[in-house]
C-alpha atoms as a PDB file:
ATOM      1  CA  UNK A   1      15.992 -79.826 -37.709  1.00  0.00           C
ATOM      2  CA  UNK A   2      15.240 -76.355 -36.343  1.00  0.00           C
ATOM      3  CA  UNK A   3      17.264 -73.672 -38.115  1.00  0.00           C
ATOM      4  CA  UNK A   4      19.753 -71.750 -35.998  1.00  0.00           C
ATOM      5  CA  UNK A   5      18.187 -68.496 -37.205  1.00  0.00           C
ATOM      6  CA  UNK A   6      15.051 -67.839 -39.232  1.00  0.00           C
ATOM      7  CA  UNK A   7      14.137 -64.456 -40.697  1.00  0.00           C
ATOM      8  CA  UNK A   8      10.503 -64.264 -41.837  1.00  0.00           C
ATOM      9  CA  UNK A   9       9.421 -61.293 -43.973  1.00  0.00           C
ATOM     10  CA  UNK A  10      11.528 -58.839 -41.977  1.00  0.00           C
ATOM     11  CA  UNK A  11      10.798 -55.227 -42.817  1.00  0.00           C
ATOM     12  CA  UNK A  12      12.265 -51.992 -41.500  1.00  0.00           C
ATOM     13  CA  UNK A  13      10.941 -48.593 -42.512  1.00  0.00           C
ATOM     14  CA  UNK A  14      12.361 -45.233 -41.501  1.00  0.00           C
ATOM     15  CA  UNK A  15       9.443 -42.987 -42.346  1.00  0.00           C
ATOM     16  CA  UNK A  16       8.995 -43.349 -46.107  1.00  0.00           C
ATOM     17  CA  UNK A  17      12.336 -45.118 -46.583  1.00  0.00           C
ATOM     18  CA  UNK A  18      12.152 -48.911 -46.551  1.00  0.00           C
ATOM     19  CA  UNK A  19      15.636 -50.108 -45.636  1.00  0.00           C
ATOM     20  CA  UNK A  20      14.728 -53.813 -45.379  1.00  0.00           C
ATOM     21  CA  UNK A  21      11.840 -54.944 -47.534  1.00  0.00           C
ATOM     22  CA  UNK A  22      10.226 -58.267 -46.524  1.00  0.00           C
ATOM     23  CA  UNK A  23      13.492 -60.235 -46.350  1.00  0.00           C
ATOM     24  CA  UNK A  24      13.365 -63.948 -45.522  1.00  0.00           C
ATOM     25  CA  UNK A  25      16.166 -66.498 -45.101  1.00  0.00           C
ATOM     26  CA  UNK A  26      17.398 -69.249 -42.794  1.00  0.00           C
ATOM     27  CA  UNK A  27      20.792 -70.009 -41.327  1.00  0.00           C
ATOM     28  CA  UNK A  28      21.579 -73.615 -40.493  1.00  0.00           C
ATOM     29  CA  UNK A  29      23.531 -74.648 -37.427  1.00  0.00           C
ATOM     30  CA  UNK A  30      27.251 -74.601 -38.126  1.00  0.00           C
ATOM     31  CA  UNK A  31      26.826 -72.673 -41.372  1.00  0.00           C
ATOM     32  CA  UNK A  32      28.688 -69.579 -42.503  1.00  0.00           C
ATOM     33  CA  UNK A  33      26.221 -67.481 -44.473  1.00  0.00           C
ATOM     34  CA  UNK A  34      27.428 -64.533 -46.535  1.00  0.00           C
ATOM     35  CA  UNK A  35      25.069 -61.545 -46.560  1.00  0.00           C
ATOM     36  CA  UNK A  36      26.223 -59.466 -49.490  1.00  0.00           C
ATOM     37  CA  UNK A  37      25.118 -56.696 -51.823  1.00  0.00           C
ATOM     38  CA  UNK A  38      26.045 -53.204 -53.002  1.00  0.00           C
ATOM     39  CA  UNK A  39      26.475 -50.323 -50.560  1.00  0.00           C
ATOM     40  CA  UNK A  40      23.142 -49.159 -49.190  1.00  0.00           C
ATOM     41  CA  UNK A  41      21.382 -52.448 -49.868  1.00  0.00           C
ATOM     42  CA  UNK A  42      20.251 -52.940 -46.247  1.00  0.00           C
ATOM     43  CA  UNK A  43      22.785 -55.506 -45.014  1.00  0.00           C
ATOM     44  CA  UNK A  44      23.848 -53.711 -41.829  1.00  0.00           C
ATOM     45  CA  UNK A  45      20.228 -52.795 -41.094  1.00  0.00           C
ATOM     46  CA  UNK A  46      19.450 -56.519 -41.318  1.00  0.00           C
ATOM     47  CA  UNK A  47      22.183 -57.295 -38.781  1.00  0.00           C
ATOM     48  CA  UNK A  48      20.803 -54.535 -36.570  1.00  0.00           C
ATOM     49  CA  UNK A  49      17.391 -56.209 -36.670  1.00  0.00           C
ATOM     50  CA  UNK A  50      18.876 -59.586 -35.733  1.00  0.00           C
ATOM     51  CA  UNK A  51      20.977 -58.174 -32.880  1.00  0.00           C
ATOM     52  CA  UNK A  52      18.227 -55.933 -31.502  1.00  0.00           C
ATOM     53  CA  UNK A  53      19.891 -52.604 -32.260  1.00  0.00           C
ATOM     54  CA  UNK A  54      16.719 -51.932 -34.278  1.00  0.00           C
ATOM     55  CA  UNK A  55      13.232 -53.383 -33.992  1.00  0.00           C
ATOM     56  CA  UNK A  56      11.546 -54.587 -37.190  1.00  0.00           C
ATOM     57  CA  UNK A  57       8.537 -52.677 -38.480  1.00  0.00           C
ATOM     58  CA  UNK A  58       7.004 -56.065 -39.301  1.00  0.00           C
ATOM     59  CA  UNK A  59       7.992 -59.703 -39.687  1.00  0.00           C
ATOM     60  CA  UNK A  60       9.788 -61.873 -37.170  1.00  0.00           C
ATOM     61  CA  UNK A  61      13.208 -63.283 -36.386  1.00  0.00           C
ATOM     62  CA  UNK A  62      13.569 -66.622 -34.596  1.00  0.00           C
ATOM     63  CA  UNK A  63      16.663 -67.929 -32.804  1.00  0.00           C
ATOM     64  CA  UNK A  64      16.521 -71.727 -32.619  1.00  0.00           C
ATOM     65  CA  UNK A  65      12.730 -71.596 -32.812  1.00  0.00           C
ATOM     66  CA  UNK A  66      12.234 -68.800 -30.265  1.00  0.00           C
ATOM     67  CA  UNK A  67      11.191 -65.334 -31.332  1.00  0.00           C
ATOM     68  CA  UNK A  68      13.806 -62.675 -30.559  1.00  0.00           C
ATOM     69  CA  UNK A  69      12.597 -59.820 -32.780  1.00  0.00           C
ATOM     70  CA  UNK A  70      11.375 -56.923 -30.681  1.00  0.00           C
ATOM     71  CA  UNK A  71      13.525 -57.834 -27.673  1.00  0.00           C
ATOM     72  CA  UNK A  72      16.093 -55.264 -26.481  1.00  0.00           C
ATOM     73  CA  UNK A  73      19.674 -55.791 -27.627  1.00  0.00           C
ATOM     74  CA  UNK A  74      20.965 -56.926 -24.211  1.00  0.00           C
ATOM     75  CA  UNK A  75      18.257 -59.608 -24.013  1.00  0.00           C
ATOM     76  CA  UNK A  76      19.129 -60.887 -27.498  1.00  0.00           C
ATOM     77  CA  UNK A  77      22.820 -60.964 -26.531  1.00  0.00           C
ATOM     78  CA  UNK A  78      21.940 -63.144 -23.559  1.00  0.00           C
ATOM     79  CA  UNK A  79      19.949 -65.441 -25.855  1.00  0.00           C
ATOM     80  CA  UNK A  80      23.177 -66.038 -27.781  1.00  0.00           C
ATOM     81  CA  UNK A  81      23.673 -63.420 -30.513  1.00  0.00           C
ATOM     82  CA  UNK A  82      27.029 -61.597 -30.587  1.00  0.00           C
ATOM     83  CA  UNK A  83      28.386 -59.212 -33.183  1.00  0.00           C
ATOM     84  CA  UNK A  84      31.100 -56.949 -34.443  1.00  0.00           C
ATOM     85  CA  UNK A  85      30.305 -53.552 -35.942  1.00  0.00           C
ATOM     86  CA  UNK A  86      31.066 -51.928 -39.286  1.00  0.00           C
ATOM     87  CA  UNK A  87      32.515 -49.004 -37.329  1.00  0.00           C
ATOM     88  CA  UNK A  88      34.380 -50.522 -34.403  1.00  0.00           C
ATOM     89  CA  UNK A  89      32.803 -50.082 -30.968  1.00  0.00           C
ATOM     90  CA  UNK A  90      35.137 -50.687 -28.064  1.00  0.00           C
ATOM     91  CA  UNK A  91      35.181 -49.455 -24.463  1.00  0.00           C
ATOM     92  CA  UNK A  92      37.931 -46.799 -24.794  1.00  0.00           C
ATOM     93  CA  UNK A  93      38.616 -46.297 -21.097  1.00  0.00           C
ATOM     94  CA  UNK A  94      39.424 -50.009 -20.607  1.00  0.00           C
ATOM     95  CA  UNK A  95      42.337 -52.148 -21.718  1.00  0.00           C
ATOM     96  CA  UNK A  96      42.039 -55.051 -24.164  1.00  0.00           C
ATOM     97  CA  UNK A  97      41.607 -57.712 -21.500  1.00  0.00           C
ATOM     98  CA  UNK A  98      38.831 -55.755 -19.765  1.00  0.00           C
ATOM     99  CA  UNK A  99      37.028 -55.179 -23.086  1.00  0.00           C
ATOM    100  CA  UNK A 100      36.938 -58.901 -23.770  1.00  0.00           C
ATOM    101  CA  UNK A 101      35.915 -59.669 -20.187  1.00  0.00           C
ATOM    102  CA  UNK A 102      32.863 -57.469 -20.746  1.00  0.00           C
ATOM    103  CA  UNK A 103      31.719 -59.928 -23.402  1.00  0.00           C
ATOM    104  CA  UNK A 104      32.166 -62.823 -21.000  1.00  0.00           C
ATOM    105  CA  UNK A 105      30.257 -61.087 -18.208  1.00  0.00           C
ATOM    106  CA  UNK A 106      27.274 -59.753 -20.175  1.00  0.00           C
ATOM    107  CA  UNK A 107      26.813 -62.272 -22.990  1.00  0.00           C
ATOM    108  CA  UNK A 108      25.195 -65.681 -23.503  1.00  0.00           C
ATOM    109  CA  UNK A 109      27.408 -67.992 -21.413  1.00  0.00           C
ATOM    110  CA  UNK A 110      28.438 -65.697 -18.599  1.00  0.00           C
ATOM    111  CA  UNK A 111      31.594 -66.033 -16.513  1.00  0.00           C
ATOM    112  CA  UNK A 112      33.089 -63.855 -13.805  1.00  0.00           C
ATOM    113  CA  UNK A 113      36.359 -63.034 -12.088  1.00  0.00           C
ATOM    114  CA  UNK A 114      39.239 -65.423 -12.771  1.00  0.00           C
ATOM    115  CA  UNK A 115      37.210 -67.451 -15.277  1.00  0.00           C
ATOM    116  CA  UNK A 116      36.363 -64.359 -17.322  1.00  0.00           C
ATOM    117  CA  UNK A 117      40.002 -63.231 -17.200  1.00  0.00           C
ATOM    118  CA  UNK A 118      41.198 -66.670 -18.362  1.00  0.00           C
ATOM    119  CA  UNK A 119      38.696 -66.613 -21.257  1.00  0.00           C
ATOM    120  CA  UNK A 120      39.792 -63.101 -22.179  1.00  0.00           C
ATOM    121  CA  UNK A 121      43.483 -64.006 -22.248  1.00  0.00           C
ATOM    122  CA  UNK A 122      42.882 -67.110 -24.372  1.00  0.00           C
ATOM    123  CA  UNK A 123      40.835 -65.170 -26.924  1.00  0.00           C
ATOM    124  CA  UNK A 124      43.341 -62.311 -27.110  1.00  0.00           C
ATOM    125  CA  UNK A 125      46.048 -64.897 -27.804  1.00  0.00           C
ATOM    126  CA  UNK A 126      43.867 -66.343 -30.532  1.00  0.00           C
ATOM    127  CA  UNK A 127      43.412 -63.017 -32.330  1.00  0.00           C
ATOM    128  CA  UNK A 128      47.110 -62.191 -31.995  1.00  0.00           C
ATOM    129  CA  UNK A 129      46.929 -59.683 -29.150  1.00  0.00           C
ATOM    130  CA  UNK A 130      48.099 -61.750 -26.194  1.00  0.00           C
ATOM    131  CA  UNK A 131      51.104 -59.487 -25.639  1.00  0.00           C
ATOM    132  CA  UNK A 132      48.906 -56.387 -25.550  1.00  0.00           C
ATOM    133  CA  UNK A 133      46.287 -57.527 -23.046  1.00  0.00           C
ATOM    134  CA  UNK A 134      46.869 -54.509 -20.800  1.00  0.00           C
ATOM    135  CA  UNK A 135      47.203 -51.909 -23.522  1.00  0.00           C
ATOM    136  CA  UNK A 136      44.375 -49.322 -23.465  1.00  0.00           C
ATOM    137  CA  UNK A 137      42.263 -49.938 -26.557  1.00  0.00           C
ATOM    138  CA  UNK A 138      42.257 -46.173 -27.182  1.00  0.00           C
ATOM    139  CA  UNK A 139      45.998 -46.483 -27.904  1.00  0.00           C
ATOM    140  CA  UNK A 140      45.550 -49.362 -30.360  1.00  0.00           C
ATOM    141  CA  UNK A 141      45.408 -49.214 -34.132  1.00  0.00           C
ATOM    142  CA  UNK A 142      42.031 -49.574 -35.818  1.00  0.00           C
ATOM    143  CA  UNK A 143      42.887 -53.096 -36.956  1.00  0.00           C
ATOM    144  CA  UNK A 144      43.819 -54.184 -33.433  1.00  0.00           C
ATOM    145  CA  UNK A 145      40.608 -52.665 -32.084  1.00  0.00           C
ATOM    146  CA  UNK A 146      38.742 -54.850 -34.584  1.00  0.00           C
ATOM    147  CA  UNK A 147      40.563 -57.875 -33.186  1.00  0.00           C
ATOM    148  CA  UNK A 148      39.574 -56.903 -29.647  1.00  0.00           C
ATOM    149  CA  UNK A 149      35.970 -56.548 -30.782  1.00  0.00           C
ATOM    150  CA  UNK A 150      35.998 -60.040 -32.316  1.00  0.00           C
ATOM    151  CA  UNK A 151      37.496 -61.536 -29.157  1.00  0.00           C
ATOM    152  CA  UNK A 152      34.805 -59.782 -27.094  1.00  0.00           C
ATOM    153  CA  UNK A 153      32.065 -61.193 -29.347  1.00  0.00           C
ATOM    154  CA  UNK A 154      33.474 -64.704 -28.890  1.00  0.00           C
ATOM    155  CA  UNK A 155      33.871 -64.395 -25.122  1.00  0.00           C
ATOM    156  CA  UNK A 156      30.303 -65.490 -24.355  1.00  0.00           C
ATOM    157  CA  UNK A 157      30.431 -68.492 -26.728  1.00  0.00           C
ATOM    158  CA  UNK A 158      27.489 -67.191 -28.808  1.00  0.00           C
ATOM    159  CA  UNK A 159      25.022 -69.330 -30.751  1.00  0.00           C
ATOM    160  CA  UNK A 160      25.174 -66.885 -33.679  1.00  0.00           C
ATOM    161  CA  UNK A 161      28.110 -64.628 -34.543  1.00  0.00           C
ATOM    162  CA  UNK A 162      27.425 -61.599 -36.747  1.00  0.00           C
ATOM    163  CA  UNK A 163      30.458 -60.148 -38.540  1.00  0.00           C
ATOM    164  CA  UNK A 164      29.802 -56.755 -40.127  1.00  0.00           C
ATOM    165  CA  UNK A 165      32.627 -56.124 -42.613  1.00  0.00           C
ATOM    166  CA  UNK A 166      35.168 -57.411 -40.124  1.00  0.00           C
ATOM    167  CA  UNK A 167      37.749 -57.854 -42.891  1.00  0.00           C
ATOM    168  CA  UNK A 168      37.359 -54.309 -44.250  1.00  0.00           C
ATOM    169  CA  UNK A 169      40.460 -52.123 -44.072  1.00  0.00           C
ATOM    170  CA  UNK A 170      42.944 -54.965 -43.655  1.00  0.00           C
ATOM    171  CA  UNK A 171      46.116 -54.917 -45.716  1.00  0.00           C
ATOM    172  CA  UNK A 172      46.875 -58.063 -47.818  1.00  0.00           C
ATOM    173  CA  UNK A 173      48.853 -59.860 -45.101  1.00  0.00           C
ATOM    174  CA  UNK A 174      46.283 -58.970 -42.402  1.00  0.00           C
ATOM    175  CA  UNK A 175      43.498 -60.084 -44.739  1.00  0.00           C
ATOM    176  CA  UNK A 176      45.089 -63.498 -45.138  1.00  0.00           C
ATOM    177  CA  UNK A 177      45.345 -63.857 -41.350  1.00  0.00           C
ATOM    178  CA  UNK A 178      41.766 -62.598 -40.915  1.00  0.00           C
ATOM    179  CA  UNK A 179      40.332 -65.070 -43.440  1.00  0.00           C
ATOM    180  CA  UNK A 180      42.248 -67.884 -41.729  1.00  0.00           C
ATOM    181  CA  UNK A 181      40.845 -66.883 -38.346  1.00  0.00           C
ATOM    182  CA  UNK A 182      37.254 -66.813 -39.606  1.00  0.00           C
ATOM    183  CA  UNK A 183      37.855 -70.174 -41.296  1.00  0.00           C
ATOM    184  CA  UNK A 184      38.986 -71.605 -37.945  1.00  0.00           C
ATOM    185  CA  UNK A 185      35.743 -70.414 -36.352  1.00  0.00           C
ATOM    186  CA  UNK A 186      33.747 -72.005 -39.171  1.00  0.00           C
ATOM    187  CA  UNK A 187      35.594 -75.311 -38.800  1.00  0.00           C
ATOM    188  CA  UNK A 188      34.773 -75.296 -35.075  1.00  0.00           C
ATOM    189  CA  UNK A 189      31.120 -75.479 -36.083  1.00  0.00           C
ATOM    190  CA  UNK A 190      30.173 -71.922 -35.186  1.00  0.00           C
ATOM    191  CA  UNK A 191      27.139 -70.414 -36.879  1.00  0.00           C
ATOM    192  CA  UNK A 192      28.153 -67.155 -38.563  1.00  0.00           C
ATOM    193  CA  UNK A 193      26.497 -64.489 -40.696  1.00  0.00           C
ATOM    194  CA  UNK A 194      29.120 -62.415 -42.461  1.00  0.00           C
ATOM    195  CA  UNK A 195      28.454 -59.110 -44.199  1.00  0.00           C
ATOM    196  CA  UNK A 196      31.421 -58.609 -46.468  1.00  0.00           C
ATOM    197  CA  UNK A 197      32.600 -56.892 -49.661  1.00  0.00           C
ATOM    198  CA  UNK A 198      35.833 -58.916 -49.968  1.00  0.00           C
ATOM    199  CA  UNK A 199      34.773 -61.459 -52.594  1.00  0.00           C
ATOM    200  CA  UNK A 200      37.838 -63.668 -52.054  1.00  0.00           C
ATOM    201  CA  UNK A 201      36.615 -64.146 -48.475  1.00  0.00           C
ATOM    202  CA  UNK A 202      33.040 -64.830 -49.594  1.00  0.00           C
ATOM    203  CA  UNK A 203      34.217 -67.460 -52.084  1.00  0.00           C
ATOM    204  CA  UNK A 204      36.644 -69.183 -49.721  1.00  0.00           C
ATOM    205  CA  UNK A 205      34.611 -69.080 -46.505  1.00  0.00           C
ATOM    206  CA  UNK A 206      30.865 -69.087 -47.137  1.00  0.00           C
ATOM    207  CA  UNK A 207      28.623 -72.118 -47.427  1.00  0.00           C
ATOM    208  CA  UNK A 208      25.802 -70.053 -48.970  1.00  0.00           C
ATOM    209  CA  UNK A 209      25.004 -66.426 -49.816  1.00  0.00           C
ATOM    210  CA  UNK A 210      22.018 -64.141 -49.495  1.00  0.00           C
ATOM    211  CA  UNK A 211      22.233 -61.122 -51.800  1.00  0.00           C
ATOM    212  CA  UNK A 212      20.393 -57.901 -50.997  1.00  0.00           C
ATOM    213  CA  UNK A 213      19.798 -54.890 -53.220  1.00  0.00           C
ATOM    214  CA  UNK A 214      17.699 -51.817 -52.377  1.00  0.00           C
ATOM    215  CA  UNK A 215      16.426 -53.498 -49.229  1.00  0.00           C
ATOM    216  CA  UNK A 216      15.173 -56.719 -50.780  1.00  0.00           C
ATOM    217  CA  UNK A 217      16.574 -60.196 -51.412  1.00  0.00           C
ATOM    218  CA  UNK A 218      17.464 -60.705 -55.065  1.00  0.00           C
ATOM    219  CA  UNK A 219      19.189 -64.103 -54.832  1.00  0.00           C
ATOM    220  CA  UNK A 220      20.251 -66.775 -52.383  1.00  0.00           C
ATOM    221  CA  UNK A 221      21.911 -70.174 -52.633  1.00  0.00           C
ATOM    222  CA  UNK A 222      25.342 -71.631 -53.324  1.00  0.00           C
ATOM    223  CA  UNK A 223      28.157 -69.098 -53.588  1.00  0.00           C
ATOM    224  CA  UNK A 224      29.227 -69.485 -57.213  1.00  0.00           C
ATOM    225  CA  UNK A 225      25.732 -69.861 -58.626  1.00  0.00           C
ATOM    226  CA  UNK A 226      24.541 -66.849 -56.648  1.00  0.00           C
ATOM    227  CA  UNK A 227      27.437 -64.608 -57.659  1.00  0.00           C
ATOM    228  CA  UNK A 228      26.906 -65.488 -61.316  1.00  0.00           C
ATOM    229  CA  UNK A 229      23.162 -64.751 -61.206  1.00  0.00           C
ATOM    230  CA  UNK A 230      22.471 -62.027 -63.838  1.00  0.00           C
ATOM    231  CA  UNK A 231      20.456 -59.935 -61.373  1.00  0.00           C
ATOM    232  CA  UNK A 232      23.324 -60.035 -58.875  1.00  0.00           C
ATOM    233  CA  UNK A 233      25.833 -59.029 -61.569  1.00  0.00           C
ATOM    234  CA  UNK A 234      23.520 -56.163 -62.565  1.00  0.00           C
ATOM    235  CA  UNK A 235      23.179 -55.008 -58.952  1.00  0.00           C
ATOM    236  CA  UNK A 236      26.955 -54.780 -58.572  1.00  0.00           C
ATOM    237  CA  UNK A 237      27.976 -53.561 -62.015  1.00  0.00           C
ATOM    238  CA  UNK A 238      24.913 -51.810 -63.452  1.00  0.00           C
ATOM    239  CA  UNK A 239      23.017 -52.620 -66.630  1.00  0.00           C
ATOM    240  CA  UNK A 240      25.734 -51.448 -69.044  1.00  0.00           C
ATOM    241  CA  UNK A 241      28.332 -53.846 -67.649  1.00  0.00           C
ATOM    242  CA  UNK A 242      26.061 -56.773 -66.847  1.00  0.00           C
END
């Protein structure tokens, strides 16, 4: 079976700094893969390579057997890759419903007019913002903006959903709701790559993990075995505590 996403020896250099160093992994259809590692390990850069925000210096990225690396971000979005951002990116002059409609109009499975509005309303209900569909996103809290961003990413029914620390900054009750929402998406059979520091979420949600440190892959496999790998423990805690 063709993997949903294949990353082959992806590399990204910024001058002399190598942010992603020959990273390779696969994501199976319907799998939730955790992409984890200490701060500065290259996780967000890896998502930027997959989504087209950055072009790899070398290597290739395949979506269901078709090369997407090197394509512009809008072309990759239309191929079926949608994402949220570590620092939320919404359209501040629009309300919540219009933000989500933008995902329906410009993404993978495009819809227009009444269909896009219906999709937007259903997704806002799902993320708990149905009553605030016409609130300007600029007037929303940061957490609610994150919910709008997730709804927008889902609006085009993407083949691959990239979540970049979507659970970060949530209080305990919001975190519980957020984990439940991501779990629902997983149970629907969506293919998800999740960059996350909340280990409770990694343990409860992920099918497998890929661990990055200093731009390279140091471990990948089942969640518990990966998190207990001595090199992974060292990367997070340092030699003295490992």
